[in-house]
Amino acid sequence: QPGGDNGTFIQEYPMLVTTQKKTAQLILKNGL
């Protein structure tokens, strides 16, 4: 039996979704 929204099996919920457009960079500038 469906338990989601409006008698469906889907339950909607808001969620912020982001994507990475380019490769992230992490540089330790003052390494040993």
Full PDB file with SEQRES, HELIX, SHEET, SSBOND, CRYST1, ORIGX, SCALE, CONECT and MASTER records, all heavy atoms in Angstrom:
SEQRES   1 A   32  GLN PRO GLY GLY ASP ASN GLY THR PHE ILE GLN GLU TYR          
SEQRES   2 A   32  PRO MET LEU VAL THR THR GLN LYS LYS THR ALA GLN LEU          
SEQRES   3 A   32  ILE LEU LYS ASN GLY LEU                                      
HELIX    1 AA1 ASP A    5  GLY A    7  5                                   3    
CRYST1    1.000    1.000    1.000  90.00  90.00  90.00 P 1           1          
ORIGX1      1.000000  0.000000  0.000000        0.00000                         
ORIGX2      0.000000  1.000000  0.000000        0.00000                         
ORIGX3      0.000000  0.000000  1.000000        0.00000                         
SCALE1      1.000000  0.000000  0.000000        0.00000                         
SCALE2      0.000000  1.000000  0.000000        0.00000                         
SCALE3      0.000000  0.000000  1.000000        0.00000                         
ATOM      1  N   GLN A   1       0.843  -1.186   0.000  1.00  0.00           N  
ATOM      2  CA  GLN A   1       0.000   0.000   0.000  1.00  0.00           C  
ATOM      3  C   GLN A   1       0.885   1.245   0.000  1.00  0.00           C  
ATOM      4  O   GLN A   1       1.831   1.327   0.778  1.00  0.00           O  
ATOM      5  CB  GLN A   1      -0.914   0.016   1.232  1.00  0.00           C  
ATOM      6  CG  GLN A   1      -1.900  -1.123   1.283  1.00  0.00           C  
ATOM      7  CD  GLN A   1      -2.833  -1.133   0.096  1.00  0.00           C  
ATOM      8  OE1 GLN A   1      -3.417  -0.120  -0.244  1.00  0.00           O  
ATOM      9  NE2 GLN A   1      -2.964  -2.284  -0.554  1.00  0.00           N  
ATOM     10  N   PRO A   2       0.575   2.233  -0.852  1.00  0.00           N  
ATOM     11  CA  PRO A   2       1.403   3.446  -0.883  1.00  0.00           C  
ATOM     12  C   PRO A   2       1.279   4.246   0.404  1.00  0.00           C  
ATOM     13  O   PRO A   2       0.203   4.332   0.996  1.00  0.00           O  
ATOM     14  CB  PRO A   2       0.856   4.221  -2.079  1.00  0.00           C  
ATOM     15  CG  PRO A   2      -0.494   3.674  -2.342  1.00  0.00           C  
ATOM     16  CD  PRO A   2      -0.508   2.271  -1.815  1.00  0.00           C  
ATOM     17  N   GLY A   3       2.378   4.828   0.826  1.00  0.00           N  
ATOM     18  CA  GLY A   3       2.387   5.654   2.032  1.00  0.00           C  
ATOM     19  C   GLY A   3       2.946   7.036   1.758  1.00  0.00           C  
ATOM     20  O   GLY A   3       3.234   7.790   2.674  1.00  0.00           O  
ATOM     21  N   GLY A   4       3.097   7.382   0.476  1.00  0.00           N  
ATOM     22  CA  GLY A   4       3.680   8.662   0.102  1.00  0.00           C  
ATOM     23  C   GLY A   4       2.633   9.738  -0.091  1.00  0.00           C  
ATOM     24  O   GLY A   4       1.469   9.596   0.314  1.00  0.00           O  
ATOM     25  N   ASP A   5       3.044  10.797  -0.737  1.00  0.00           N  
ATOM     26  CA  ASP A   5       2.168  11.941  -0.980  1.00  0.00           C  
ATOM     27  C   ASP A   5       1.049  11.588  -1.963  1.00  0.00           C  
ATOM     28  O   ASP A   5       1.277  10.891  -2.950  1.00  0.00           O  
ATOM     29  CB  ASP A   5       2.982  13.113  -1.547  1.00  0.00           C  
ATOM     30  CG  ASP A   5       4.059  13.597  -0.582  1.00  0.00           C  
ATOM     31  OD1 ASP A   5       3.925  13.357   0.633  1.00  0.00           O  
ATOM     32  OD2 ASP A   5       5.049  14.205  -1.044  1.00  0.00           O  
ATOM     33  N   ASN A   6      -0.132  12.069  -1.686  1.00  0.00           N  
ATOM     34  CA  ASN A   6      -1.298  11.932  -2.569  1.00  0.00           C  
ATOM     35  C   ASN A   6      -1.546  10.499  -3.014  1.00  0.00           C  
ATOM     36  O   ASN A   6      -1.864  10.243  -4.175  1.00  0.00           O  
ATOM     37  CB  ASN A   6      -1.148  12.849  -3.789  1.00  0.00           C  
ATOM     38  CG  ASN A   6      -0.988  14.300  -3.399  1.00  0.00           C  
ATOM     39  OD1 ASN A   6      -1.712  14.805  -2.534  1.00  0.00           O  
ATOM     40  ND2 ASN A   6      -0.030  14.973  -4.011  1.00  0.00           N  
ATOM     41  N   GLY A   7      -1.362   9.543  -2.107  1.00  0.00           N  
ATOM     42  CA  GLY A   7      -1.646   8.150  -2.420  1.00  0.00           C  
ATOM     43  C   GLY A   7      -0.629   7.483  -3.333  1.00  0.00           C  
ATOM     44  O   GLY A   7      -0.936   6.481  -3.965  1.00  0.00           O  
ATOM     45  N   THR A   8       0.574   8.033  -3.413  1.00  0.00           N  
ATOM     46  CA  THR A   8       1.625   7.447  -4.249  1.00  0.00           C  
ATOM     47  C   THR A   8       2.693   6.812  -3.367  1.00  0.00           C  
ATOM     48  O   THR A   8       2.617   6.864  -2.135  1.00  0.00           O  
ATOM     49  CB  THR A   8       2.294   8.525  -5.127  1.00  0.00           C  
ATOM     50  OG1 THR A   8       3.063   9.404  -4.291  1.00  0.00           O  
ATOM     51  CG2 THR A   8       1.260   9.326  -5.914  1.00  0.00           C  
ATOM     52  N   PHE A   9       3.705   6.267  -4.004  1.00  0.00           N  
ATOM     53  CA  PHE A   9       4.844   5.711  -3.275  1.00  0.00           C  
ATOM     54  C   PHE A   9       5.971   6.743  -3.149  1.00  0.00           C  
ATOM     55  O   PHE A   9       7.041   6.425  -2.661  1.00  0.00           O  
ATOM     56  CB  PHE A   9       5.376   4.459  -3.975  1.00  0.00           C  
ATOM     57  CG  PHE A   9       4.457   3.272  -3.832  1.00  0.00           C  
ATOM     58  CD1 PHE A   9       3.606   2.915  -4.855  1.00  0.00           C  
ATOM     59  CD2 PHE A   9       4.462   2.517  -2.672  1.00  0.00           C  
ATOM     60  CE1 PHE A   9       2.766   1.825  -4.728  1.00  0.00           C  
ATOM     61  CE2 PHE A   9       3.628   1.428  -2.529  1.00  0.00           C  
ATOM     62  CZ  PHE A   9       2.776   1.085  -3.561  1.00  0.00           C  
ATOM     63  N   ILE A  10       5.735   7.957  -3.606  1.00  0.00           N  
ATOM     64  CA  ILE A  10       6.748   9.017  -3.586  1.00  0.00           C  
ATOM     65  C   ILE A  10       6.434   9.995  -2.459  1.00  0.00           C  
ATOM     66  O   ILE A  10       5.301  10.437  -2.314  1.00  0.00           O  
ATOM     67  CB  ILE A  10       6.780   9.800  -4.929  1.00  0.00           C  
ATOM     68  CG1 ILE A  10       6.960   8.855  -6.120  1.00  0.00           C  
ATOM     69  CG2 ILE A  10       7.830  10.899  -4.904  1.00  0.00           C  
ATOM     70  CD1 ILE A  10       8.312   8.246  -6.262  1.00  0.00           C  
ATOM     71  N   GLN A  11       7.464  10.335  -1.688  1.00  0.00           N  
ATOM     72  CA  GLN A  11       7.320  11.367  -0.660  1.00  0.00           C  
ATOM     73  C   GLN A  11       8.285  12.490  -1.010  1.00  0.00           C  
ATOM     74  O   GLN A  11       9.500  12.306  -1.023  1.00  0.00           O  
ATOM     75  CB  GLN A  11       7.641  10.819   0.723  1.00  0.00           C  
ATOM     76  CG  GLN A  11       7.435  11.845   1.813  1.00  0.00           C  
ATOM     77  CD  GLN A  11       7.683  11.269   3.201  1.00  0.00           C  
ATOM     78  OE1 GLN A  11       8.126  10.139   3.354  1.00  0.00           O  
ATOM     79  NE2 GLN A  11       7.398  12.056   4.207  1.00  0.00           N  
ATOM     80  N   GLU A  12       7.734  13.645  -1.323  1.00  0.00           N  
ATOM     81  CA  GLU A  12       8.547  14.807  -1.703  1.00  0.00           C  
ATOM     82  C   GLU A  12       9.127  15.465  -0.451  1.00  0.00           C  
ATOM     83  O   GLU A  12       8.491  15.496   0.595  1.00  0.00           O  
ATOM     84  CB  GLU A  12       7.706  15.838  -2.451  1.00  0.00           C  
ATOM     85  CG  GLU A  12       7.060  15.318  -3.719  1.00  0.00           C  
ATOM     86  CD  GLU A  12       8.025  15.142  -4.871  1.00  0.00           C  
ATOM     87  OE1 GLU A  12       9.167  15.657  -4.801  1.00  0.00           O  
ATOM     88  OE2 GLU A  12       7.641  14.473  -5.846  1.00  0.00           O  
ATOM     89  N   TYR A  13      10.334  15.981  -0.584  1.00  0.00           N  
ATOM     90  CA  TYR A  13      10.933  16.786   0.481  1.00  0.00           C  
ATOM     91  C   TYR A  13      11.946  17.731  -0.160  1.00  0.00           C  
ATOM     92  O   TYR A  13      12.615  17.379  -1.133  1.00  0.00           O  
ATOM     93  CB  TYR A  13      11.596  15.905   1.551  1.00  0.00           C  
ATOM     94  CG  TYR A  13      12.695  15.003   1.026  1.00  0.00           C  
ATOM     95  CD1 TYR A  13      14.016  15.407   1.043  1.00  0.00           C  
ATOM     96  CD2 TYR A  13      12.395  13.750   0.516  1.00  0.00           C  
ATOM     97  CE1 TYR A  13      15.016  14.581   0.556  1.00  0.00           C  
ATOM     98  CE2 TYR A  13      13.381  12.927   0.039  1.00  0.00           C  
ATOM     99  CZ  TYR A  13      14.691  13.346   0.060  1.00  0.00           C  
ATOM    100  OH  TYR A  13      15.678  12.541  -0.431  1.00  0.00           O  
ATOM    101  N   PRO A  14      12.024  18.949   0.336  1.00  0.00           N  
ATOM    102  CA  PRO A  14      12.954  19.914  -0.260  1.00  0.00           C  
ATOM    103  C   PRO A  14      14.398  19.568   0.109  1.00  0.00           C  
ATOM    104  O   PRO A  14      14.686  19.164   1.235  1.00  0.00           O  
ATOM    105  CB  PRO A  14      12.529  21.249   0.357  1.00  0.00           C  
ATOM    106  CG  PRO A  14      11.875  20.870   1.644  1.00  0.00           C  
ATOM    107  CD  PRO A  14      11.255  19.524   1.426  1.00  0.00           C  
ATOM    108  N   MET A  15      15.287  19.714  -0.866  1.00  0.00           N  
ATOM    109  CA  MET A  15      16.694  19.444  -0.615  1.00  0.00           C  
ATOM    110  C   MET A  15      17.528  20.291  -1.561  1.00  0.00           C  
ATOM    111  O   MET A  15      17.285  20.314  -2.770  1.00  0.00           O  
ATOM    112  CB  MET A  15      17.005  17.967  -0.842  1.00  0.00           C  
ATOM    113  CG  MET A  15      18.428  17.607  -0.551  1.00  0.00           C  
ATOM    114  SD  MET A  15      18.615  15.822  -0.639  1.00  0.00           S  
ATOM    115  CE  MET A  15      20.334  15.702  -0.241  1.00  0.00           C  
ATOM    116  N   LEU A  16      18.503  20.973  -1.006  1.00  0.00           N  
ATOM    117  CA  LEU A  16      19.411  21.771  -1.805  1.00  0.00           C  
ATOM    118  C   LEU A  16      20.396  20.834  -2.501  1.00  0.00           C  
ATOM    119  O   LEU A  16      21.026  20.003  -1.857  1.00  0.00           O  
ATOM    120  CB  LEU A  16      20.171  22.760  -0.904  1.00  0.00           C  
ATOM    121  CG  LEU A  16      21.174  23.667  -1.586  1.00  0.00           C  
ATOM    122  CD1 LEU A  16      20.498  24.587  -2.583  1.00  0.00           C  
ATOM    123  CD2 LEU A  16      21.923  24.486  -0.552  1.00  0.00           C  
ATOM    124  N   VAL A  17      20.489  20.932  -3.817  1.00  0.00           N  
ATOM    125  CA  VAL A  17      21.384  20.077  -4.586  1.00  0.00           C  
ATOM    126  C   VAL A  17      22.348  20.956  -5.356  1.00  0.00           C  
ATOM    127  O   VAL A  17      21.936  21.883  -6.052  1.00  0.00           O  
ATOM    128  CB  VAL A  17      20.589  19.185  -5.575  1.00  0.00           C  
ATOM    129  CG1 VAL A  17      21.525  18.349  -6.416  1.00  0.00           C  
ATOM    130  CG2 VAL A  17      19.608  18.311  -4.824  1.00  0.00           C  
ATOM    131  N   THR A  18      23.630  20.687  -5.204  1.00  0.00           N  
ATOM    132  CA  THR A  18      24.644  21.440  -5.942  1.00  0.00           C  
ATOM    133  C   THR A  18      25.530  20.462  -6.699  1.00  0.00           C  
ATOM    134  O   THR A  18      25.586  19.283  -6.384  1.00  0.00           O  
ATOM    135  CB  THR A  18      25.518  22.285  -4.988  1.00  0.00           C  
ATOM    136  OG1 THR A  18      26.113  21.423  -4.022  1.00  0.00           O  
ATOM    137  CG2 THR A  18      24.706  23.339  -4.275  1.00  0.00           C  
ATOM    138  N   THR A  19      26.204  20.975  -7.706  1.00  0.00           N  
ATOM    139  CA  THR A  19      27.120  20.144  -8.474  1.00  0.00           C  
ATOM    140  C   THR A  19      28.473  20.843  -8.559  1.00  0.00           C  
ATOM    141  O   THR A  19      28.566  22.071  -8.494  1.00  0.00           O  
ATOM    142  CB  THR A  19      26.604  19.891  -9.905  1.00  0.00           C  
ATOM    143  OG1 THR A  19      26.396  21.141 -10.559  1.00  0.00           O  
ATOM    144  CG2 THR A  19      25.317  19.101  -9.889  1.00  0.00           C  
ATOM    145  N   GLN A  20      29.501  20.052  -8.736  1.00  0.00           N  
ATOM    146  CA  GLN A  20      30.851  20.579  -8.857  1.00  0.00           C  
ATOM    147  C   GLN A  20      31.117  20.826 -10.331  1.00  0.00           C  
ATOM    148  O   GLN A  20      31.065  19.910 -11.149  1.00  0.00           O  
ATOM    149  CB  GLN A  20      31.857  19.566  -8.284  1.00  0.00           C  
ATOM    150  CG  GLN A  20      33.255  20.062  -8.227  1.00  0.00           C  
ATOM    151  CD  GLN A  20      34.174  19.062  -7.504  1.00  0.00           C  
ATOM    152  OE1 GLN A  20      33.727  18.048  -7.000  1.00  0.00           O  
ATOM    153  NE2 GLN A  20      35.437  19.382  -7.462  1.00  0.00           N  
ATOM    154  N   LYS A  21      31.400  22.083 -10.709  1.00  0.00           N  
ATOM    155  CA  LYS A  21      31.590  22.430 -12.115  1.00  0.00           C  
ATOM    156  C   LYS A  21      32.998  22.129 -12.599  1.00  0.00           C  
ATOM    157  O   LYS A  21      33.197  21.868 -13.769  1.00  0.00           O  
ATOM    158  CB  LYS A  21      31.245  23.899 -12.336  1.00  0.00           C  
ATOM    159  CG  LYS A  21      29.772  24.176 -12.133  1.00  0.00           C  
ATOM    160  CD  LYS A  21      29.413  25.578 -12.473  1.00  0.00           C  
ATOM    161  CE  LYS A  21      27.913  25.771 -12.260  1.00  0.00           C  
ATOM    162  NZ  LYS A  21      27.471  27.088 -12.638  1.00  0.00           N  
ATOM    163  N   LYS A  22      33.958  22.206 -11.716  1.00  0.00           N  
ATOM    164  CA  LYS A  22      35.323  21.850 -12.104  1.00  0.00           C  
ATOM    165  C   LYS A  22      36.014  21.240 -10.889  1.00  0.00           C  
ATOM    166  O   LYS A  22      35.535  21.360  -9.760  1.00  0.00           O  
ATOM    167  CB  LYS A  22      36.094  23.050 -12.645  1.00  0.00           C  
ATOM    168  CG  LYS A  22      36.307  24.182 -11.658  1.00  0.00           C  
ATOM    169  CD  LYS A  22      37.060  25.325 -12.309  1.00  0.00           C  
ATOM    170  CE  LYS A  22      37.367  26.407 -11.284  1.00  0.00           C  
ATOM    171  NZ  LYS A  22      38.157  27.471 -11.820  1.00  0.00           N  
ATOM    172  N   THR A  23      37.126  20.588 -11.140  1.00  0.00           N  
ATOM    173  CA  THR A  23      37.845  19.906 -10.078  1.00  0.00           C  
ATOM    174  C   THR A  23      38.293  20.899  -9.010  1.00  0.00           C  
ATOM    175  O   THR A  23      38.862  21.943  -9.326  1.00  0.00           O  
ATOM    176  CB  THR A  23      39.078  19.178 -10.659  1.00  0.00           C  
ATOM    177  OG1 THR A  23      38.629  18.279 -11.667  1.00  0.00           O  
ATOM    178  CG2 THR A  23      39.819  18.407  -9.590  1.00  0.00           C  
ATOM    179  N   ALA A  24      38.016  20.568  -7.772  1.00  0.00           N  
ATOM    180  CA  ALA A  24      38.428  21.426  -6.666  1.00  0.00           C  
ATOM    181  C   ALA A  24      39.943  21.342  -6.490  1.00  0.00           C  
ATOM    182  O   ALA A  24      40.553  20.316  -6.787  1.00  0.00           O  
ATOM    183  CB  ALA A  24      37.720  21.001  -5.384  1.00  0.00           C  
ATOM    184  N   GLN A  25      40.510  22.406  -6.003  1.00  0.00           N  
ATOM    185  CA  GLN A  25      41.942  22.442  -5.744  1.00  0.00           C  
ATOM    186  C   GLN A  25      42.181  22.742  -4.272  1.00  0.00           C  
ATOM    187  O   GLN A  25      41.541  23.610  -3.701  1.00  0.00           O  
ATOM    188  CB  GLN A  25      42.628  23.523  -6.579  1.00  0.00           C  
ATOM    189  CG  GLN A  25      42.612  23.253  -8.060  1.00  0.00           C  
ATOM    190  CD  GLN A  25      43.354  24.336  -8.826  1.00  0.00           C  
ATOM    191  OE1 GLN A  25      43.527  25.450  -8.353  1.00  0.00           O  
ATOM    192  NE2 GLN A  25      43.789  23.989 -10.028  1.00  0.00           N  
ATOM    193  N   LEU A  26      43.117  22.016  -3.700  1.00  0.00           N  
ATOM    194  CA  LEU A  26      43.533  22.265  -2.329  1.00  0.00           C  
ATOM    195  C   LEU A  26      45.053  22.225  -2.326  1.00  0.00           C  
ATOM    196  O   LEU A  26      45.652  21.201  -2.659  1.00  0.00           O  
ATOM    197  CB  LEU A  26      42.962  21.215  -1.375  1.00  0.00           C  
ATOM    198  CG  LEU A  26      43.370  21.353   0.093  1.00  0.00           C  
ATOM    199  CD1 LEU A  26      42.895  22.679   0.689  1.00  0.00           C  
ATOM    200  CD2 LEU A  26      42.828  20.182   0.898  1.00  0.00           C  
ATOM    201  N   ILE A  27      45.641  23.359  -2.013  1.00  0.00           N  
ATOM    202  CA  ILE A  27      47.099  23.470  -2.020  1.00  0.00           C  
ATOM    203  C   ILE A  27      47.560  24.012  -0.673  1.00  0.00           C  
ATOM    204  O   ILE A  27      47.100  25.063  -0.231  1.00  0.00           O  
ATOM    205  CB  ILE A  27      47.590  24.400  -3.149  1.00  0.00           C  
ATOM    206  CG1 ILE A  27      47.139  23.850  -4.515  1.00  0.00           C  
ATOM    207  CG2 ILE A  27      49.110  24.556  -3.102  1.00  0.00           C  
ATOM    208  CD1 ILE A  27      47.377  24.797  -5.669  1.00  0.00           C  
ATOM    209  N   LEU A  28      48.440  23.265  -0.036  1.00  0.00           N  
ATOM    210  CA  LEU A  28      49.078  23.730   1.190  1.00  0.00           C  
ATOM    211  C   LEU A  28      50.279  24.564   0.738  1.00  0.00           C  
ATOM    212  O   LEU A  28      51.245  24.031   0.203  1.00  0.00           O  
ATOM    213  CB  LEU A  28      49.517  22.535   2.038  1.00  0.00           C  
ATOM    214  CG  LEU A  28      50.291  22.860   3.316  1.00  0.00           C  
ATOM    215  CD1 LEU A  28      49.434  23.688   4.270  1.00  0.00           C  
ATOM    216  CD2 LEU A  28      50.764  21.581   3.982  1.00  0.00           C  
ATOM    217  N   LYS A  29      50.187  25.874   0.910  1.00  0.00           N  
ATOM    218  CA  LYS A  29      51.203  26.778   0.357  1.00  0.00           C  
ATOM    219  C   LYS A  29      52.524  26.738   1.110  1.00  0.00           C  
ATOM    220  O   LYS A  29      53.571  26.962   0.523  1.00  0.00           O  
ATOM    221  CB  LYS A  29      50.662  28.207   0.317  1.00  0.00           C  
ATOM    222  CG  LYS A  29      49.548  28.380  -0.688  1.00  0.00           C  
ATOM    223  CD  LYS A  29      49.098  29.817  -0.772  1.00  0.00           C  
ATOM    224  CE  LYS A  29      48.020  29.976  -1.830  1.00  0.00           C  
ATOM    225  NZ  LYS A  29      47.582  31.361  -1.933  1.00  0.00           N  
ATOM    226  N   ASN A  30      52.476  26.493   2.391  1.00  0.00           N  
ATOM    227  CA  ASN A  30      53.726  26.551   3.166  1.00  0.00           C  
ATOM    228  C   ASN A  30      54.063  25.197   3.801  1.00  0.00           C  
ATOM    229  O   ASN A  30      54.303  25.097   4.990  1.00  0.00           O  
ATOM    230  CB  ASN A  30      53.657  27.654   4.223  1.00  0.00           C  
ATOM    231  CG  ASN A  30      52.525  27.447   5.204  1.00  0.00           C  
ATOM    232  OD1 ASN A  30      51.651  26.617   4.991  1.00  0.00           O  
ATOM    233  ND2 ASN A  30      52.534  28.201   6.284  1.00  0.00           N  
ATOM    234  N   GLY A  31      54.094  24.146   2.944  1.00  0.00           N  
ATOM    235  CA  GLY A  31      54.487  22.822   3.428  1.00  0.00           C  
ATOM    236  C   GLY A  31      55.965  22.815   3.784  1.00  0.00           C  
ATOM    237  O   GLY A  31      56.722  23.732   3.448  1.00  0.00           O  
ATOM    238  N   LEU A  32      56.410  21.791   4.436  1.00  0.00           N  
ATOM    239  CA  LEU A  32      57.793  21.670   4.881  1.00  0.00           C  
ATOM    240  C   LEU A  32      58.782  21.837   3.734  1.00  0.00           C  
ATOM    241  O   LEU A  32      59.844  22.432   3.892  1.00  0.00           O  
ATOM    242  CB  LEU A  32      57.983  20.308   5.568  1.00  0.00           C  
ATOM    243  CG  LEU A  32      59.318  20.068   6.258  1.00  0.00           C  
ATOM    244  CD1 LEU A  32      59.590  21.121   7.340  1.00  0.00           C  
ATOM    245  CD2 LEU A  32      59.339  18.668   6.884  1.00  0.00           C  
TER     246      LEU A  32                                                      
MASTER        0    0    0    1    0    0    0    6  245    1    0    3          
END                                                                             
